[in-house]
Amino acid sequence: MKTNFFNVQRIGLLFQRYFVENFRSELIYWGIMTIAFVFLRNNTQMMSSLIMIAGAFFAARFFREIHHPSNSLAYFMIPATQLEKITVAIVLTTLYYFAMMMIAYVIGNLTGTLLNNVLASLDFLPNAMFHHSSMQWEFLREATPTVSAFKNDVVSISASHSFFLGFLFFQSLFLFGGIYFRKNQTFKTFAVFILFFVVLGIFIGIEAKLILGDFQLAQKDFDPFWGRMIESAAKTFFYLLPPFFWIVSYFRLTEKQS
């Protein structure tokens, strides 16, 4: 079978292979996530942290089989191109994972609120332990107020949009780390990520000292035009990061096969 082009049927077979081999572990995993949301359903910060941290481990361990000689041989002999394999990996670690997290959140929120109200209605339990509460969907709020870096006004941005962009970035980063590192992929990727921003912060601080004579960048030091330019450049850079990591992941996966 020739595998030198992108074939939708093979994509479907790769998805089928994943769910057949991981059916039991997927049920256990999403069951645990649902139970976690039962207790965290009204804590937006904790839920966001859970999705990000669990997602990092999920993405970093997706290609774990390619780092073991016996498993990697079987994986690379699958009659599918590396483009098809990386496409399936991207879909599973982003769209599928995020959708399943939202389903787990909805089920956990419904279950947690129902159990809370049932227990609050029982006479033999102390009243201080449980209180009747209405259904809350804190995590799914459409917008949240935030202050722009170069403006005095408060603007409204989509919380779900900004969160999903950050989620895409972390998933693409840790997916690449899972392919690049042989062992402890999650922790090594996180360490490199922290080191990069420490070095970047030092570099920006030195540049600010040389240009402005001070380590602190005050708003008055920026012309409004350049402030908007820097803000736009930062947003564009952030949007381009996930595709960049997906592309280098593809080349790294191809390199691993050769």
C-alpha atoms as a PDB file:
ATOM      1  CA  MET A   1       0.000   0.000   0.000  1.00  0.00           C
ATOM      2  CA  LYS A   2       1.407   3.378  -0.946  1.00  0.00           C
ATOM      3  CA  THR A   3       1.401   5.871   1.895  1.00  0.00           C
ATOM      4  CA  ASN A   4       2.830   8.935   0.212  1.00  0.00           C
ATOM      5  CA  PHE A   5      -0.282  11.090   0.389  1.00  0.00           C
ATOM      6  CA  PHE A   6      -2.975  12.225   2.832  1.00  0.00           C
ATOM      7  CA  ASN A   7      -5.803   9.702   3.029  1.00  0.00           C
ATOM      8  CA  VAL A   8      -8.987  10.301   5.055  1.00  0.00           C
ATOM      9  CA  GLN A   9      -9.748   6.578   5.325  1.00  0.00           C
ATOM     10  CA  ARG A  10      -6.391   5.908   6.974  1.00  0.00           C
ATOM     11  CA  ILE A  11      -7.080   8.817   9.317  1.00  0.00           C
ATOM     12  CA  GLY A  12     -10.263   7.050  10.389  1.00  0.00           C
ATOM     13  CA  LEU A  13      -8.386   3.790  10.923  1.00  0.00           C
ATOM     14  CA  LEU A  14      -5.824   5.560  13.098  1.00  0.00           C
ATOM     15  CA  PHE A  15      -8.622   6.977  15.262  1.00  0.00           C
ATOM     16  CA  GLN A  16     -10.158   3.515  15.471  1.00  0.00           C
ATOM     17  CA  ARG A  17      -6.821   2.005  16.479  1.00  0.00           C
ATOM     18  CA  TYR A  18      -6.402   4.546  19.281  1.00  0.00           C
ATOM     19  CA  PHE A  19      -9.829   3.996  20.826  1.00  0.00           C
ATOM     20  CA  VAL A  20      -9.667   0.207  20.514  1.00  0.00           C
ATOM     21  CA  GLU A  21      -6.294   0.072  22.266  1.00  0.00           C
ATOM     22  CA  ASN A  22      -7.131   2.705  24.899  1.00  0.00           C
ATOM     23  CA  PHE A  23     -10.862   2.135  25.492  1.00  0.00           C
ATOM     24  CA  ARG A  24     -10.532   0.999  29.108  1.00  0.00           C
ATOM     25  CA  SER A  25      -7.945   3.606  30.089  1.00  0.00           C
ATOM     26  CA  GLU A  26     -10.050   6.345  28.477  1.00  0.00           C
ATOM     27  CA  LEU A  27     -13.108   5.313  30.507  1.00  0.00           C
ATOM     28  CA  ILE A  28     -11.086   5.348  33.729  1.00  0.00           C
ATOM     29  CA  TYR A  29      -9.431   8.654  32.888  1.00  0.00           C
ATOM     30  CA  TRP A  30     -12.622  10.543  32.066  1.00  0.00           C
ATOM     31  CA  GLY A  31     -14.383   8.955  35.032  1.00  0.00           C
ATOM     32  CA  ILE A  32     -11.697  10.414  37.300  1.00  0.00           C
ATOM     33  CA  MET A  33     -11.978  13.813  35.607  1.00  0.00           C
ATOM     34  CA  THR A  34     -15.773  13.780  36.090  1.00  0.00           C
ATOM     35  CA  ILE A  35     -15.375  12.993  39.794  1.00  0.00           C
ATOM     36  CA  ALA A  36     -12.823  15.804  40.088  1.00  0.00           C
ATOM     37  CA  PHE A  37     -15.318  18.257  38.581  1.00  0.00           C
ATOM     38  CA  VAL A  38     -17.942  17.152  41.113  1.00  0.00           C
ATOM     39  CA  PHE A  39     -15.785  18.739  43.819  1.00  0.00           C
ATOM     40  CA  LEU A  40     -14.275  21.599  41.778  1.00  0.00           C
ATOM     41  CA  ARG A  41     -17.412  22.620  39.865  1.00  0.00           C
ATOM     42  CA  ASN A  42     -17.630  26.131  41.376  1.00  0.00           C
ATOM     43  CA  ASN A  43     -13.903  26.877  41.487  1.00  0.00           C
ATOM     44  CA  THR A  44     -12.979  28.288  38.076  1.00  0.00           C
ATOM     45  CA  GLN A  45      -9.297  28.726  38.867  1.00  0.00           C
ATOM     46  CA  MET A  46      -8.897  25.141  40.062  1.00  0.00           C
ATOM     47  CA  MET A  47     -10.805  23.792  37.042  1.00  0.00           C
ATOM     48  CA  SER A  48      -8.619  25.776  34.638  1.00  0.00           C
ATOM     49  CA  SER A  49      -5.474  24.505  36.351  1.00  0.00           C
ATOM     50  CA  LEU A  50      -6.745  20.930  36.234  1.00  0.00           C
ATOM     51  CA  ILE A  51      -7.478  21.128  32.494  1.00  0.00           C
ATOM     52  CA  MET A  52      -4.071  22.641  31.731  1.00  0.00           C
ATOM     53  CA  ILE A  53      -2.018  20.295  33.924  1.00  0.00           C
ATOM     54  CA  ALA A  54      -3.883  17.126  32.981  1.00  0.00           C
ATOM     55  CA  GLY A  55      -3.777  18.195  29.326  1.00  0.00           C
ATOM     56  CA  ALA A  56      -0.008  18.630  29.485  1.00  0.00           C
ATOM     57  CA  PHE A  57       0.457  15.065  30.747  1.00  0.00           C
ATOM     58  CA  PHE A  58      -2.036  13.772  28.173  1.00  0.00           C
ATOM     59  CA  ALA A  59      -0.226  15.435  25.253  1.00  0.00           C
ATOM     60  CA  ALA A  60       3.297  14.672  26.464  1.00  0.00           C
ATOM     61  CA  ARG A  61       2.558  10.956  26.824  1.00  0.00           C
ATOM     62  CA  PHE A  62       0.700  10.566  23.535  1.00  0.00           C
ATOM     63  CA  PHE A  63       3.754   9.361  21.597  1.00  0.00           C
ATOM     64  CA  ARG A  64       5.333   7.421  24.456  1.00  0.00           C
ATOM     65  CA  GLU A  65       5.413   4.198  22.414  1.00  0.00           C
ATOM     66  CA  ILE A  66       7.908   5.617  19.898  1.00  0.00           C
ATOM     67  CA  HIS A  67      10.573   5.784  22.618  1.00  0.00           C
ATOM     68  CA  HIS A  68      10.563   2.028  23.221  1.00  0.00           C
ATOM     69  CA  PRO A  69      12.352  -0.080  20.570  1.00  0.00           C
ATOM     70  CA  SER A  70       9.784  -2.880  20.377  1.00  0.00           C
ATOM     71  CA  ASN A  71       6.731  -0.578  20.363  1.00  0.00           C
ATOM     72  CA  SER A  72       8.273   2.012  18.054  1.00  0.00           C
ATOM     73  CA  LEU A  73       8.945  -0.580  15.357  1.00  0.00           C
ATOM     74  CA  ALA A  74       5.289  -1.606  15.343  1.00  0.00           C
ATOM     75  CA  TYR A  75       4.119   2.016  15.382  1.00  0.00           C
ATOM     76  CA  PHE A  76       6.284   3.179  12.489  1.00  0.00           C
ATOM     77  CA  MET A  77       5.252   0.154  10.435  1.00  0.00           C
ATOM     78  CA  ILE A  78       1.611   1.256  10.529  1.00  0.00           C
ATOM     79  CA  PRO A  79       0.646   1.924   6.859  1.00  0.00           C
ATOM     80  CA  ALA A  80       0.045   5.650   7.310  1.00  0.00           C
ATOM     81  CA  THR A  81       2.116   8.746   6.632  1.00  0.00           C
ATOM     82  CA  GLN A  82       3.674  10.838   9.377  1.00  0.00           C
ATOM     83  CA  LEU A  83       1.371  13.690   8.369  1.00  0.00           C
ATOM     84  CA  GLU A  84      -1.649  11.485   9.023  1.00  0.00           C
ATOM     85  CA  LYS A  85      -0.241  10.338  12.359  1.00  0.00           C
ATOM     86  CA  ILE A  86       0.531  13.861  13.557  1.00  0.00           C
ATOM     87  CA  THR A  87      -2.910  15.034  12.390  1.00  0.00           C
ATOM     88  CA  VAL A  88      -4.607  12.372  14.509  1.00  0.00           C
ATOM     89  CA  ALA A  89      -2.391  13.294  17.456  1.00  0.00           C
ATOM     90  CA  ILE A  90      -3.288  17.001  17.147  1.00  0.00           C
ATOM     91  CA  VAL A  91      -7.028  16.290  16.949  1.00  0.00           C
ATOM     92  CA  LEU A  92      -6.961  13.896  19.922  1.00  0.00           C
ATOM     93  CA  THR A  93      -4.835  16.119  22.163  1.00  0.00           C
ATOM     94  CA  THR A  94      -6.755  19.326  21.384  1.00  0.00           C
ATOM     95  CA  LEU A  95     -10.310  19.069  20.030  1.00  0.00           C
ATOM     96  CA  TYR A  96     -11.127  15.636  21.450  1.00  0.00           C
ATOM     97  CA  TYR A  97      -9.473  16.307  24.792  1.00  0.00           C
ATOM     98  CA  PHE A  98     -11.109  19.723  25.238  1.00  0.00           C
ATOM     99  CA  ALA A  99     -14.542  18.415  24.211  1.00  0.00           C
ATOM    100  CA  MET A 100     -14.273  15.507  26.646  1.00  0.00           C
ATOM    101  CA  MET A 101     -13.209  17.876  29.406  1.00  0.00           C
ATOM    102  CA  MET A 102     -16.307  19.997  28.785  1.00  0.00           C
ATOM    103  CA  ILE A 103     -18.516  16.890  28.845  1.00  0.00           C
ATOM    104  CA  ALA A 104     -16.873  15.765  32.099  1.00  0.00           C
ATOM    105  CA  TYR A 105     -17.405  19.257  33.515  1.00  0.00           C
ATOM    106  CA  VAL A 106     -21.102  19.311  32.593  1.00  0.00           C
ATOM    107  CA  ILE A 107     -21.720  15.833  34.045  1.00  0.00           C
ATOM    108  CA  GLY A 108     -19.652  16.618  37.146  1.00  0.00           C
ATOM    109  CA  ASN A 109     -21.444  19.921  37.700  1.00  0.00           C
ATOM    110  CA  LEU A 110     -24.895  18.376  37.340  1.00  0.00           C
ATOM    111  CA  THR A 111     -24.002  15.433  39.574  1.00  0.00           C
ATOM    112  CA  GLY A 112     -22.268  17.553  42.199  1.00  0.00           C
ATOM    113  CA  THR A 113     -25.073  20.079  42.457  1.00  0.00           C
ATOM    114  CA  LEU A 114     -27.712  17.329  42.649  1.00  0.00           C
ATOM    115  CA  LEU A 115     -25.845  15.442  45.385  1.00  0.00           C
ATOM    116  CA  ASN A 116     -25.241  18.664  47.307  1.00  0.00           C
ATOM    117  CA  ASN A 117     -28.944  19.564  47.292  1.00  0.00           C
ATOM    118  CA  VAL A 118     -29.998  16.017  48.219  1.00  0.00           C
ATOM    119  CA  LEU A 119     -27.597  15.962  51.169  1.00  0.00           C
ATOM    120  CA  ALA A 120     -28.697  19.455  52.205  1.00  0.00           C
ATOM    121  CA  SER A 121     -32.286  18.163  52.427  1.00  0.00           C
ATOM    122  CA  LEU A 122     -31.431  15.352  54.839  1.00  0.00           C
ATOM    123  CA  ASP A 123     -32.450  16.164  58.408  1.00  0.00           C
ATOM    124  CA  PHE A 124     -29.834  14.077  60.194  1.00  0.00           C
ATOM    125  CA  LEU A 125     -26.866  15.951  58.668  1.00  0.00           C
ATOM    126  CA  PRO A 126     -25.607  19.189  60.243  1.00  0.00           C
ATOM    127  CA  ASN A 127     -26.951  22.229  58.381  1.00  0.00           C
ATOM    128  CA  ALA A 128     -23.473  23.767  58.208  1.00  0.00           C
ATOM    129  CA  MET A 129     -22.130  20.956  56.010  1.00  0.00           C
ATOM    130  CA  PHE A 130     -24.362  21.397  52.968  1.00  0.00           C
ATOM    131  CA  HIS A 131     -26.473  24.259  51.655  1.00  0.00           C
ATOM    132  CA  HIS A 132     -28.978  24.325  48.820  1.00  0.00           C
ATOM    133  CA  SER A 133     -27.479  25.939  45.742  1.00  0.00           C
ATOM    134  CA  SER A 134     -28.646  26.612  42.214  1.00  0.00           C
ATOM    135  CA  MET A 135     -26.858  25.296  39.159  1.00  0.00           C
ATOM    136  CA  GLN A 136     -23.819  27.431  38.366  1.00  0.00           C
ATOM    137  CA  TRP A 137     -21.773  27.408  35.168  1.00  0.00           C
ATOM    138  CA  GLU A 138     -18.859  29.608  36.206  1.00  0.00           C
ATOM    139  CA  PHE A 139     -16.416  28.041  33.773  1.00  0.00           C
ATOM    140  CA  LEU A 140     -18.661  28.637  30.765  1.00  0.00           C
ATOM    141  CA  ARG A 141     -19.168  32.364  31.236  1.00  0.00           C
ATOM    142  CA  GLU A 142     -18.913  34.089  27.897  1.00  0.00           C
ATOM    143  CA  ALA A 143     -16.858  37.140  28.857  1.00  0.00           C
ATOM    144  CA  THR A 144     -14.650  38.445  31.619  1.00  0.00           C
ATOM    145  CA  PRO A 145     -13.329  41.994  32.213  1.00  0.00           C
ATOM    146  CA  THR A 146      -9.631  42.580  31.755  1.00  0.00           C
ATOM    147  CA  VAL A 147      -7.336  45.595  31.531  1.00  0.00           C
ATOM    148  CA  SER A 148      -5.358  46.135  28.339  1.00  0.00           C
ATOM    149  CA  ALA A 149      -1.601  46.549  28.726  1.00  0.00           C
ATOM    150  CA  PHE A 150      -1.471  49.833  26.821  1.00  0.00           C
ATOM    151  CA  LYS A 151      -4.904  51.319  27.470  1.00  0.00           C
ATOM    152  CA  ASN A 152      -6.600  52.784  30.499  1.00  0.00           C
ATOM    153  CA  ASP A 153     -10.033  51.466  29.605  1.00  0.00           C
ATOM    154  CA  VAL A 154     -11.422  48.122  30.656  1.00  0.00           C
ATOM    155  CA  VAL A 155     -12.271  45.910  27.714  1.00  0.00           C
ATOM    156  CA  SER A 156     -14.307  42.734  27.533  1.00  0.00           C
ATOM    157  CA  ILE A 157     -12.780  39.675  25.924  1.00  0.00           C
ATOM    158  CA  SER A 158     -14.062  36.155  25.542  1.00  0.00           C
ATOM    159  CA  ALA A 159     -12.841  34.077  28.462  1.00  0.00           C
ATOM    160  CA  SER A 160     -13.440  30.808  26.643  1.00  0.00           C
ATOM    161  CA  HIS A 161     -11.585  32.109  23.550  1.00  0.00           C
ATOM    162  CA  SER A 162      -8.497  33.239  25.461  1.00  0.00           C
ATOM    163  CA  PHE A 163      -8.467  30.090  27.571  1.00  0.00           C
ATOM    164  CA  PHE A 164      -8.712  27.842  24.511  1.00  0.00           C
ATOM    165  CA  LEU A 165      -5.822  29.684  22.821  1.00  0.00           C
ATOM    166  CA  GLY A 166      -3.676  29.132  25.892  1.00  0.00           C
ATOM    167  CA  PHE A 167      -4.795  25.518  25.951  1.00  0.00           C
ATOM    168  CA  LEU A 168      -3.761  25.065  22.282  1.00  0.00           C
ATOM    169  CA  PHE A 169      -0.346  26.520  23.024  1.00  0.00           C
ATOM    170  CA  PHE A 170       0.345  24.200  25.962  1.00  0.00           C
ATOM    171  CA  GLN A 171      -0.968  21.137  24.135  1.00  0.00           C
ATOM    172  CA  SER A 172       1.201  21.824  21.075  1.00  0.00           C
ATOM    173  CA  LEU A 173       4.237  22.507  23.263  1.00  0.00           C
ATOM    174  CA  PHE A 174       3.894  19.336  25.327  1.00  0.00           C
ATOM    175  CA  LEU A 175       3.053  17.245  22.266  1.00  0.00           C
ATOM    176  CA  PHE A 176       6.380  18.325  20.781  1.00  0.00           C
ATOM    177  CA  GLY A 177       8.116  17.631  24.097  1.00  0.00           C
ATOM    178  CA  GLY A 178       6.578  14.167  24.149  1.00  0.00           C
ATOM    179  CA  ILE A 179       8.130  13.420  20.774  1.00  0.00           C
ATOM    180  CA  TYR A 180      11.467  15.102  21.460  1.00  0.00           C
ATOM    181  CA  PHE A 181      12.284  13.750  24.940  1.00  0.00           C
ATOM    182  CA  ARG A 182      12.759  10.061  25.581  1.00  0.00           C
ATOM    183  CA  LYS A 183      11.896  10.006  29.313  1.00  0.00           C
ATOM    184  CA  ASN A 184      10.047  12.285  31.747  1.00  0.00           C
ATOM    185  CA  GLN A 185       8.620  14.213  28.820  1.00  0.00           C
ATOM    186  CA  THR A 186       6.218  16.377  30.834  1.00  0.00           C
ATOM    187  CA  PHE A 187       8.702  17.556  33.429  1.00  0.00           C
ATOM    188  CA  LYS A 188      11.522  18.141  30.939  1.00  0.00           C
ATOM    189  CA  THR A 189       9.240  20.146  28.643  1.00  0.00           C
ATOM    190  CA  PHE A 190       8.025  22.227  31.586  1.00  0.00           C
ATOM    191  CA  ALA A 191      11.617  22.847  32.735  1.00  0.00           C
ATOM    192  CA  VAL A 192      12.647  24.033  29.264  1.00  0.00           C
ATOM    193  CA  PHE A 193       9.535  26.238  29.102  1.00  0.00           C
ATOM    194  CA  ILE A 194      10.382  27.918  32.428  1.00  0.00           C
ATOM    195  CA  LEU A 195      14.058  28.305  31.481  1.00  0.00           C
ATOM    196  CA  PHE A 196      13.107  29.946  28.180  1.00  0.00           C
ATOM    197  CA  PHE A 197      10.943  32.585  29.836  1.00  0.00           C
ATOM    198  CA  VAL A 198      13.543  33.245  32.530  1.00  0.00           C
ATOM    199  CA  VAL A 199      16.165  33.895  29.839  1.00  0.00           C
ATOM    200  CA  LEU A 200      13.655  35.970  27.845  1.00  0.00           C
ATOM    201  CA  GLY A 201      12.813  38.025  30.928  1.00  0.00           C
ATOM    202  CA  ILE A 202      16.498  38.696  31.609  1.00  0.00           C
ATOM    203  CA  PHE A 203      17.031  39.702  27.981  1.00  0.00           C
ATOM    204  CA  ILE A 204      14.043  42.086  27.997  1.00  0.00           C
ATOM    205  CA  GLY A 205      15.221  43.567  31.301  1.00  0.00           C
ATOM    206  CA  ILE A 206      18.696  44.222  29.926  1.00  0.00           C
ATOM    207  CA  GLU A 207      17.260  45.795  26.766  1.00  0.00           C
ATOM    208  CA  ALA A 208      14.982  48.010  28.862  1.00  0.00           C
ATOM    209  CA  LYS A 209      17.947  49.080  30.983  1.00  0.00           C
ATOM    210  CA  LEU A 210      20.042  49.952  27.924  1.00  0.00           C
ATOM    211  CA  ILE A 211      17.267  51.752  26.040  1.00  0.00           C
ATOM    212  CA  LEU A 212      15.247  53.415  28.789  1.00  0.00           C
ATOM    213  CA  GLY A 213      17.767  53.503  31.590  1.00  0.00           C
ATOM    214  CA  ASP A 214      15.391  51.583  33.854  1.00  0.00           C
ATOM    215  CA  PHE A 215      14.357  47.962  34.221  1.00  0.00           C
ATOM    216  CA  GLN A 216      10.695  48.896  34.481  1.00  0.00           C
ATOM    217  CA  LEU A 217       8.661  49.586  31.334  1.00  0.00           C
ATOM    218  CA  ALA A 218       6.190  52.330  32.233  1.00  0.00           C
ATOM    219  CA  GLN A 219       3.191  53.152  30.067  1.00  0.00           C
ATOM    220  CA  LYS A 220       4.393  56.757  29.684  1.00  0.00           C
ATOM    221  CA  ASP A 221       7.538  55.460  27.966  1.00  0.00           C
ATOM    222  CA  PHE A 222       5.516  54.168  25.012  1.00  0.00           C
ATOM    223  CA  ASP A 223       4.085  56.110  22.157  1.00  0.00           C
ATOM    224  CA  PRO A 224       0.461  54.898  21.702  1.00  0.00           C
ATOM    225  CA  PHE A 225       1.222  53.785  18.151  1.00  0.00           C
ATOM    226  CA  TRP A 226       4.179  51.629  19.206  1.00  0.00           C
ATOM    227  CA  GLY A 227       2.170  50.316  22.119  1.00  0.00           C
ATOM    228  CA  ARG A 228      -0.516  49.057  19.740  1.00  0.00           C
ATOM    229  CA  MET A 229       2.140  47.647  17.421  1.00  0.00           C
ATOM    230  CA  ILE A 230       3.802  45.713  20.237  1.00  0.00           C
ATOM    231  CA  GLU A 231       0.444  44.428  21.448  1.00  0.00           C
ATOM    232  CA  SER A 232      -0.513  43.283  17.929  1.00  0.00           C
ATOM    233  CA  ALA A 233       2.875  41.644  17.399  1.00  0.00           C
ATOM    234  CA  ALA A 234       2.570  39.777  20.701  1.00  0.00           C
ATOM    235  CA  LYS A 235      -0.914  38.508  19.784  1.00  0.00           C
ATOM    236  CA  THR A 236       0.248  37.408  16.326  1.00  0.00           C
ATOM    237  CA  PHE A 237       3.245  35.619  17.830  1.00  0.00           C
ATOM    238  CA  PHE A 238       0.987  33.819  20.286  1.00  0.00           C
ATOM    239  CA  TYR A 239      -1.407  32.739  17.517  1.00  0.00           C
ATOM    240  CA  LEU A 240       1.479  31.308  15.483  1.00  0.00           C
ATOM    241  CA  LEU A 241       3.012  29.268  18.299  1.00  0.00           C
ATOM    242  CA  PRO A 242       0.671  26.217  18.109  1.00  0.00           C
ATOM    243  CA  PRO A 243       1.124  25.747  14.317  1.00  0.00           C
ATOM    244  CA  PHE A 244       4.881  26.169  14.784  1.00  0.00           C
ATOM    245  CA  PHE A 245       5.076  23.405  17.405  1.00  0.00           C
ATOM    246  CA  TRP A 246       2.844  21.141  15.296  1.00  0.00           C
ATOM    247  CA  ILE A 247       5.151  21.599  12.305  1.00  0.00           C
ATOM    248  CA  VAL A 248       8.338  20.887  14.267  1.00  0.00           C
ATOM    249  CA  SER A 249       6.568  17.900  15.854  1.00  0.00           C
ATOM    250  CA  TYR A 250       5.927  16.522  12.381  1.00  0.00           C
ATOM    251  CA  PHE A 251       9.585  16.867  11.388  1.00  0.00           C
ATOM    252  CA  ARG A 252      10.743  15.390  14.705  1.00  0.00           C
ATOM    253  CA  LEU A 253       8.414  12.405  14.235  1.00  0.00           C
ATOM    254  CA  THR A 254       9.748  11.915  10.711  1.00  0.00           C
ATOM    255  CA  GLU A 255      13.292  12.099  12.053  1.00  0.00           C
ATOM    256  CA  LYS A 256      12.509   9.489  14.709  1.00  0.00           C
ATOM    257  CA  GLN A 257      11.303   7.079  12.039  1.00  0.00           C
ATOM    258  CA  SER A 258      14.457   7.451   9.993  1.00  0.00           C
END
